[in-house]
Protein backbone atom coordinates (compact mmCIF):
# COMPACT_ATOMS: atom_id res chain seq x y z
CA MET A 1 0.00 0.00 0.00
CA ARG A 2 1.35 3.38 -0.96
CA GLY A 3 1.88 5.83 1.87
CA THR A 4 0.47 9.33 1.75
CA ASP A 5 2.78 12.33 1.47
CA GLU A 6 1.35 14.33 4.33
CA THR A 7 3.19 16.41 6.87
CA SER A 8 2.01 16.32 10.45
CA GLY A 9 4.16 18.19 12.92
CA SER A 10 4.58 16.85 16.43
CA LEU A 11 4.19 19.14 19.39
CA PHE A 12 6.57 17.18 21.62
CA SER A 13 9.65 15.02 20.97
CA TYR A 14 10.48 12.10 23.25
CA VAL A 15 13.82 11.19 21.64
CA ASP A 16 16.95 12.46 23.40
CA VAL A 17 19.56 14.24 21.27
CA GLU A 18 22.13 11.73 22.54
CA GLU A 19 20.19 8.89 20.87
CA ARG A 20 20.14 10.64 17.51
CA ILE A 21 23.96 10.56 17.17
CA PRO A 22 25.27 7.24 15.73
CA ALA A 23 27.12 5.14 18.29
CA ARG A 24 30.18 4.83 16.03
CA HIS A 25 30.30 8.47 14.94
CA PRO A 26 33.89 9.81 15.27
CA LEU A 27 32.63 12.92 17.05
CA ARG A 28 31.73 10.78 20.07
CA LYS A 29 35.36 10.01 20.86
CA ILE A 30 36.40 13.58 20.06
CA ARG A 31 33.72 14.97 22.38
CA GLN A 32 34.80 12.66 25.18
CA VAL A 33 38.44 13.77 24.93
CA VAL A 34 37.48 17.45 24.67
CA ASN A 35 35.13 17.27 27.67
CA ASP A 36 37.78 15.60 29.82
CA ALA A 37 40.38 18.16 28.73
CA LEU A 38 38.09 21.11 29.47
CA ALA A 39 37.16 19.63 32.85
CA SER A 40 40.85 19.65 33.79
CA LEU A 41 40.94 23.40 32.98
CA ASP A 42 38.09 24.28 35.33
CA ALA A 43 40.37 26.29 37.65
CA GLU A 44 41.74 28.23 34.67
CA PHE A 45 38.23 29.18 33.54
CA GLU A 46 37.22 30.11 37.07
CA ALA A 47 40.04 32.66 37.29
CA LEU A 48 38.77 34.50 34.19
CA TYR A 49 35.36 35.40 35.64
CA ILE A 50 34.17 37.33 38.68
CA ASP A 51 31.87 35.87 41.34
CA PHE A 52 28.92 38.20 40.78
CA GLY A 53 26.92 39.67 37.93
CA ARG A 54 25.01 38.14 35.04
CA PRO A 55 26.03 34.56 34.11
CA SER A 56 28.00 34.36 30.89
CA ILE A 57 28.00 31.79 28.12
CA PRO A 58 29.95 28.83 29.59
CA PRO A 59 33.55 29.02 28.35
CA GLU A 60 33.53 25.27 27.67
CA ARG A 61 30.73 25.75 25.14
CA LEU A 62 32.55 28.58 23.39
CA ILE A 63 35.70 26.48 23.00
CA ARG A 64 33.74 23.43 21.81
CA ALA A 65 31.96 25.67 19.28
CA SER A 66 35.30 27.02 18.03
CA LEU A 67 36.64 23.48 17.60
CA LEU A 68 33.46 22.50 15.78
CA GLN A 69 33.82 25.44 13.42
CA ILE A 70 37.33 24.28 12.49
CA LEU A 71 36.47 20.58 12.17
CA PHE A 72 33.54 21.25 9.80
CA SER A 73 35.09 24.17 7.85
CA VAL A 74 32.40 26.66 8.86
CA ARG A 75 33.48 29.96 7.39
CA SER A 76 32.38 32.36 10.14
CA GLU A 77 30.87 32.51 13.62
CA ARG A 78 27.66 33.85 12.12
CA GLN A 79 27.29 30.78 9.91
CA LEU A 80 28.23 28.60 12.88
CA MET A 81 25.36 30.00 14.94
CA GLU A 82 22.99 29.58 12.00
CA GLN A 83 23.90 25.91 11.63
CA MET A 84 23.80 25.31 15.35
CA ASP A 85 20.21 26.54 15.38
CA TYR A 86 19.02 23.61 13.22
CA ASN A 87 21.82 21.02 13.33
CA LEU A 88 21.16 18.60 16.19
CA MET A 89 24.67 17.14 16.02
CA PHE A 90 26.20 20.60 16.46
CA ARG A 91 23.93 21.23 19.44
CA TRP A 92 24.86 17.89 20.97
CA PHE A 93 28.62 18.49 20.58
CA VAL A 94 28.52 22.00 22.05
CA GLY A 95 26.17 21.01 24.89
CA LEU A 96 22.91 22.73 23.91
CA GLY A 97 19.52 21.10 24.28
CA ILE A 98 16.87 21.08 21.55
CA ASP A 99 15.03 24.02 23.08
CA ASP A 100 18.07 26.03 24.19
CA PRO A 101 18.54 29.28 22.24
CA VAL A 102 21.82 29.85 20.43
CA TRP A 103 23.81 32.93 21.29
CA VAL A 104 24.57 35.83 18.99
CA PRO A 105 27.85 35.76 16.99
CA THR A 106 29.21 38.83 18.80
CA VAL A 107 29.72 36.63 21.87
CA PHE A 108 32.89 35.34 20.17
CA THR A 109 34.04 38.91 19.53
CA LYS A 110 33.57 39.93 23.15
CA ASN A 111 35.36 36.84 24.47
CA ARG A 112 38.24 36.86 21.99
CA ASP A 113 40.50 38.98 24.21
CA ARG A 114 39.60 37.17 27.43
CA LEU A 115 38.97 33.50 26.62
CA LEU A 116 40.00 32.79 23.03
CA THR A 117 43.62 33.85 23.55
CA THR A 118 47.00 32.35 22.72
CA GLU A 119 47.57 31.27 26.33
CA MET A 120 44.21 29.52 26.55
CA SER A 121 44.70 27.86 23.15
CA ARG A 122 48.00 26.41 24.35
CA LYS A 123 46.40 25.18 27.56
CA VAL A 124 43.60 23.49 25.60
CA MET A 125 46.13 21.77 23.33
CA ALA A 126 48.22 20.66 26.33
CA ALA A 127 45.13 19.34 28.15
CA ILE A 128 44.12 17.29 25.09
CA LEU A 129 47.62 15.81 24.77
CA ALA A 130 47.71 15.02 28.50
CA HIS A 131 44.49 12.98 28.26
CA ARG A 132 44.89 9.45 29.62
CA GLU A 133 44.14 7.91 26.20
CA VAL A 134 46.16 10.39 24.13
CA ALA A 135 49.38 10.60 26.16
CA PRO A 136 50.50 6.99 25.32
CA LEU A 137 50.36 7.88 21.62
CA LEU A 138 53.09 10.53 21.96
CA SER A 139 56.84 10.20 21.61
CA ASP A 140 58.86 12.04 24.25
CA GLU A 141 62.21 11.81 22.45
CA HIS A 142 61.83 12.35 18.70
CA PHE A 143 60.33 15.49 17.17
CA SER A 144 60.10 17.42 13.91
CA VAL A 145 59.63 21.11 13.24
CA ASP A 146 58.56 23.16 10.24
CA GLY A 147 56.82 26.37 9.26
CA THR A 148 54.19 27.40 6.74
CA LEU A 149 52.92 30.70 5.38
CA VAL A 150 49.49 31.91 6.48
CA LYS A 151 48.14 34.53 4.13
CA ALA A 152 47.00 37.68 5.91
CA TRP A 153 43.54 39.21 5.60
CA ALA A 154 44.94 42.16 3.66
CA SER A 155 45.34 42.92 -0.02
CA MET A 156 48.50 44.02 -1.77
CA LYS A 157 46.84 47.37 -2.46
CA SER A 158 46.81 48.05 1.28
CA PHE A 159 50.64 47.90 1.35
CA GLN A 160 51.25 51.63 1.43
CA PRO A 161 54.38 53.75 2.11
CA LYS A 162 55.13 54.60 5.72
CA GLU A 163 55.54 58.17 6.82
CA ASP A 164 59.18 59.36 6.97
CA ALA A 165 60.51 55.96 5.87
CA THR A 166 63.93 55.72 4.22
CA PRO A 167 64.37 52.95 1.64
CA PRO A 168 66.94 50.24 2.52
CA GLU A 169 69.96 49.60 0.35
CA ASP A 170 69.29 45.91 -0.35
CA GLU A 171 66.54 43.65 0.94
CA GLY A 172 64.77 40.51 -0.19
CA PRO A 173 61.68 38.62 0.93
CA GLY A 174 62.66 35.36 2.53
CA ASP A 175 66.33 36.29 2.68
CA PRO A 176 67.49 35.66 6.28
CA SER A 177 70.41 38.06 5.92
CA ALA A 178 68.17 40.91 4.77
CA SER A 179 64.50 41.64 5.19
CA ASN A 180 62.09 41.72 2.30
CA THR A 181 62.59 42.89 -1.34
CA THR A 182 64.04 41.81 -4.68
CA PRO A 183 63.43 43.92 -7.73
CA GLU A 184 62.85 40.94 -10.04
CA THR A 185 60.20 38.95 -8.12
CA GLN A 186 58.86 41.36 -5.50
CA PRO A 187 55.52 43.08 -6.10
CA THR A 188 56.15 46.78 -6.33
CA GLN A 189 54.79 49.97 -4.88
CA ILE A 190 51.46 51.40 -5.96
CA LYS A 191 51.97 54.30 -8.33
CA ALA A 192 50.75 57.60 -6.96
CA GLU A 193 48.37 59.64 -9.03
CA THR A 194 49.91 62.97 -9.98
CA ALA A 195 46.84 64.51 -11.60
CA PRO A 196 44.54 66.40 -9.19
CA MET A 197 41.24 64.75 -8.34
CA PRO A 198 38.24 66.65 -9.79
CA ARG A 199 35.84 68.09 -7.26
CA ASN A 200 32.67 66.25 -6.27
CA THR A 201 34.07 62.92 -7.49
CA LYS A 202 35.02 59.82 -5.53
CA PRO A 203 37.85 57.42 -6.43
CA HIS A 204 36.90 53.93 -7.49
CA ARG A 205 36.96 51.69 -4.41
CA ASN A 206 38.80 48.92 -6.24
CA ALA A 207 40.66 50.76 -8.97
CA GLU A 208 43.26 48.99 -11.05
CA VAL A 209 46.89 49.69 -10.15
CA ASP A 210 50.19 48.85 -11.80
CA PHE A 211 53.04 47.79 -9.48
CA LYS A 212 55.55 47.20 -12.24
CA GLY A 213 58.89 48.96 -11.96
CA GLU A 214 58.64 50.08 -8.34
CA LYS A 215 60.08 48.49 -5.20
CA ARG A 216 58.25 47.86 -1.97
CA SER A 217 59.80 46.75 1.28
CA ASN A 218 58.76 46.06 4.86
CA ALA A 219 61.15 48.82 5.90
CA THR A 220 59.38 51.46 3.84
CA HIS A 221 55.82 50.13 3.54
CA ALA A 222 53.13 48.67 5.80
CA SER A 223 49.63 47.34 5.30
CA THR A 224 46.88 49.74 6.30
CA THR A 225 44.52 46.78 6.80
CA ASP A 226 46.75 44.65 9.05
CA PRO A 227 49.96 46.42 10.12
CA ASP A 228 51.30 43.16 11.64
CA ALA A 229 51.38 41.42 8.25
CA ARG A 230 54.71 41.32 6.41
CA LEU A 231 55.62 41.00 2.75
CA TYR A 232 57.44 37.68 2.47
CA LYS A 233 58.18 34.65 0.31
CA LYS A 234 59.71 31.31 1.27
CA SER A 235 61.24 30.29 -2.06
CA PRO A 236 62.91 32.21 -4.91
CA GLY A 237 60.43 31.03 -7.55
CA THR A 238 57.32 32.41 -5.87
CA GLY A 239 55.91 35.89 -5.47
CA ALA A 240 55.91 37.71 -2.17
CA MET A 241 52.63 38.16 -0.29
CA LEU A 242 51.37 39.70 2.93
CA CYS A 243 51.44 36.86 5.43
CA PHE A 244 52.46 35.40 8.77
CA ILE A 245 54.48 32.24 9.46
CA GLY A 246 52.85 29.41 11.38
CA HIS A 247 55.15 27.00 13.23
CA ALA A 248 54.52 23.49 14.53
CA LEU A 249 56.45 20.98 16.62
CA MET A 250 55.43 17.38 15.87
CA GLU A 251 56.23 14.17 17.71
CA ASN A 252 57.44 11.51 15.30
CA ARG A 253 55.58 8.44 16.60
CA ASN A 254 52.07 9.25 15.32
CA GLY A 255 52.54 12.72 13.84
CA LEU A 256 50.57 14.67 16.47
CA ILE A 257 51.33 18.35 16.93
CA VAL A 258 52.59 19.04 20.46
CA GLN A 259 53.39 22.76 20.11
CA GLY A 260 52.21 25.52 17.82
CA ASP A 261 53.16 29.15 17.29
CA LEU A 262 52.73 31.95 14.78
CA THR A 263 54.98 34.94 14.21
CA GLN A 264 55.52 37.77 11.79
CA ALA A 265 57.15 36.69 8.57
CA ASP A 266 60.92 36.96 8.78
CA GLY A 267 63.94 35.01 7.57
CA HIS A 268 64.97 34.11 11.12
CA ALA A 269 61.47 33.44 12.49
CA GLU A 270 61.38 29.69 11.84
CA ARG A 271 64.61 28.90 13.67
CA LYS A 272 63.79 31.18 16.60
CA ALA A 273 60.28 29.70 16.94
CA ALA A 274 61.70 26.17 16.78
CA LEU A 275 63.95 26.85 19.77
CA ASP A 276 61.10 28.47 21.69
CA MET A 277 58.78 25.52 21.07
CA VAL A 278 61.43 22.97 22.10
CA HIS A 279 62.12 24.82 25.35
CA ARG A 280 58.39 25.27 26.00
CA HIS A 281 57.64 21.60 25.43
CA SER A 282 60.63 20.18 27.34
CA PRO A 283 61.85 22.89 29.73
CA GLY A 284 65.20 22.06 31.29
CA SER A 285 65.17 18.54 29.88
CA THR A 286 68.32 16.49 30.48
CA ARG A 287 67.16 13.63 28.27
CA ARG A 288 68.66 13.57 24.77
CA LEU A 289 66.06 14.58 22.17
CA THR A 290 66.19 14.61 18.38
CA LEU A 291 64.74 17.36 16.20
CA ALA A 292 64.24 16.82 12.46
CA ALA A 293 63.88 19.76 10.08
CA ASP A 294 64.40 20.73 6.46
CA LYS A 295 67.34 22.58 4.91
CA GLY A 296 66.00 25.96 5.96
CA TYR A 297 67.10 25.13 9.51
CA ASP A 298 70.66 24.19 8.49
CA ALA A 299 72.43 27.16 10.10
CA GLY A 300 75.44 27.09 12.39
CA GLY A 301 73.89 29.16 15.15
CA PHE A 302 70.69 27.13 15.24
CA VAL A 303 72.52 23.78 15.28
CA SER A 304 74.80 25.01 18.05
CA ASP A 305 71.85 26.21 20.15
CA LEU A 306 70.15 22.82 19.78
CA ARG A 307 73.22 20.93 20.96
CA LYS A 308 73.53 23.22 23.98
CA ALA A 309 69.90 22.38 24.81
CA CYS A 310 70.68 18.63 24.73
CA VAL A 311 68.91 18.20 21.37
CA THR A 312 70.47 16.27 18.49
CA PRO A 313 69.87 18.27 15.27
CA HIS A 314 68.56 15.88 12.60
CA VAL A 315 68.47 18.70 10.05
CA ALA A 316 68.59 18.08 6.31
CA GLN A 317 72.00 18.97 4.89
CA LYS A 318 72.57 21.78 2.46
CA ALA A 319 74.63 21.03 -0.62
CA ARG A 320 77.29 23.54 0.50
CA TYR A 321 78.40 24.98 3.83
CA SER A 322 76.26 22.65 5.92
CA ALA A 323 76.44 22.75 9.71
CA ILE A 324 75.56 19.02 9.85
CA ASP A 325 78.42 16.56 9.43
CA ALA A 326 78.98 12.80 9.50
CA ARG A 327 78.81 12.71 13.30
CA THR A 328 75.05 13.05 12.87
CA THR A 329 74.27 11.65 9.42
CA ARG A 330 76.05 8.31 9.92
CA HIS A 331 73.46 7.09 12.42
CA GLU A 332 70.36 5.19 11.35
CA GLY A 333 68.17 7.49 13.44
CA TYR A 334 69.05 10.43 11.20
CA ALA A 335 67.56 8.72 8.14
CA LEU A 336 64.45 7.77 10.14
CA SER A 337 63.98 11.35 11.31
CA GLN A 338 64.27 12.63 7.75
CA LYS A 339 61.59 10.15 6.72
CA HIS A 340 59.14 10.96 9.53
CA ARG A 341 59.54 14.75 9.47
CA LYS A 342 57.58 14.99 6.21
CA LYS A 343 54.39 14.00 8.04
CA ILE A 344 54.21 17.52 9.45
CA GLU A 345 53.14 18.71 6.00
CA GLU A 346 49.92 16.69 6.46
CA ALA A 347 49.00 18.82 9.48
CA PHE A 348 49.68 22.02 7.54
CA GLY A 349 47.66 20.75 4.59
CA TRP A 350 44.72 19.87 6.86
CA ALA A 351 44.90 23.26 8.55
CA LYS A 352 44.71 25.06 5.20
CA THR A 353 42.14 22.92 3.40
CA VAL A 354 39.85 22.06 6.33
CA GLY A 355 40.80 24.41 9.14
CA GLY A 356 40.60 27.60 7.10
CA MET A 357 44.20 28.71 7.65
CA ALA A 358 45.12 29.14 3.99
CA GLN A 359 44.09 32.76 4.53
CA THR A 360 43.18 33.90 7.98
CA MET A 361 40.07 36.03 8.55
CA TYR A 362 41.57 37.64 11.65
CA ARG A 363 43.84 40.66 11.92
CA GLY A 364 46.77 41.13 14.24
CA VAL A 365 49.45 38.58 15.05
CA GLU A 366 48.00 37.76 18.48
CA ARG A 367 44.54 36.78 17.18
CA VAL A 368 45.96 34.86 14.22
CA ARG A 369 48.35 33.03 16.55
CA SER A 370 45.54 31.96 18.85
CA ARG A 371 43.51 30.67 15.91
CA PHE A 372 46.48 28.80 14.43
CA ILE A 373 47.23 26.99 17.70
CA ILE A 374 43.60 25.93 18.25
CA THR A 375 43.55 24.73 14.63
CA MET A 376 46.56 22.53 15.33
CA ALA A 377 44.71 21.15 18.35
CA ALA A 378 41.68 20.45 16.15
CA ASN A 379 43.94 18.60 13.69
CA ASN A 380 45.02 16.31 16.53
CA LEU A 381 41.38 15.71 17.49
CA ALA A 382 40.46 14.82 13.90
CA ARG A 383 43.10 12.05 13.92
CA LEU A 384 42.31 10.63 17.36
CA PRO A 385 39.35 8.35 16.49
CA LYS A 386 41.43 6.25 14.07
CA LEU A 387 44.54 6.29 16.25
CA LEU A 388 42.66 5.20 19.35
CA ALA A 389 40.73 2.55 17.42
CA ALA A 390 43.98 1.07 16.11
C-alpha cells in the first residue's frame, strides 16, 4: 500500500539528542576527549570570571563551538550560529539542548581577548595531549619542526608607504640576511596619481593599479589593513605576499602536533620559533632529544643552540656549507627522522584545506596566533578516532 505524502508536525519530541547521534560516529570520541580536557581546565576558567553579575556563556561551550567550526570548515561565527540553530549534532557536541537558544555571533568577539587567547589555546592543546588515552600515543624523544605561510587578511593594495621611511639599500623577501625585497620577483609599490582629483568625485573603491617597476619593502611600507602582516616569500620562484608564518612541533611516533606558534614573517622566524617551542615543550630537559627539520634550519647558530639544549639536530643537509656533518648523518636514526619529518606537512595541509588557515580572517598577530594553535589542536582531534581505534 502506498503511503500518503502528508506532513504532520509533532508538538513534543520524546527522543533524546544523545540517541540521535550514531554510536560509532567519530565525534563521540572527540567529544569525550574534549570534555575531559576542558574539565581539567576548570580552575583556569574560574580565574577568568568574577563571582557576581550576570552569568556568561559557559567558556567550555565557546571552545567546543570554536573546535566544531574548524572541524567542519564553517566559514564564520555567524554561519556557525545559523547551523547550530538547526543542526542537532552541532547542538549535541557544544552542549545545547533542543530548546536552548543559540547565542549571537558577537559573543565570540567579546570573548576573543579574554577566553579565546594564545595562552588559553596552548592550555587546551596541552590538556588534550595530556588525556589518559592520548598521552600513550606521543613520543617524548623524537620530534620534527617546520613552518608554513598563512596569508593575511589584507590585499596588496593596502601595502602603502610609511611616513618618513627611508628605503633600505638591499633587501629581499625570505632572505634571512636581509629583510624583504628583490626587484625581479617582488611586487612593487602602488603608483601615486599625480593629476589632481576633480571636485565632487570619488575614487573607485577597487581601482586597477600597476606595481611594475617600483620596489616595496617592509622597511618602507606597511599594510593599512593589518599592520602586523609582512611582505614575504619562502622560495625564490614564488611571489611575495602579505602573510604570517605558522610553526609546529610534531612528535614523530604518530605525527601529532605538540606545540604551535605563529609569528611575523621573517627570515629568522622559523629557527627562533623552533627553539622556543622545544624549550616550551621540554623545559630544562636532560634527556637527549632529536629534532628533524628541512634545509632551511641548516644554520650554524641554530645547530649550536640545539646541541647546547641537549637536542640532536637531525636537520637536512645543504649542498654547501652545511652545519651538519657525519657525526650526525652516519646514524640510522638520522635517516628515520628525515623520513618521519615529512608528516608535518599533512598537518599544515589539513589546517589550510579544512581548518581555514590558507588565509586567515583575523587581523593582528595575536589573534591569528591563537587561531592557528587551536587549529593545530583540532587537527590532533580529527586524527584521534582512528589512532585510538587502532
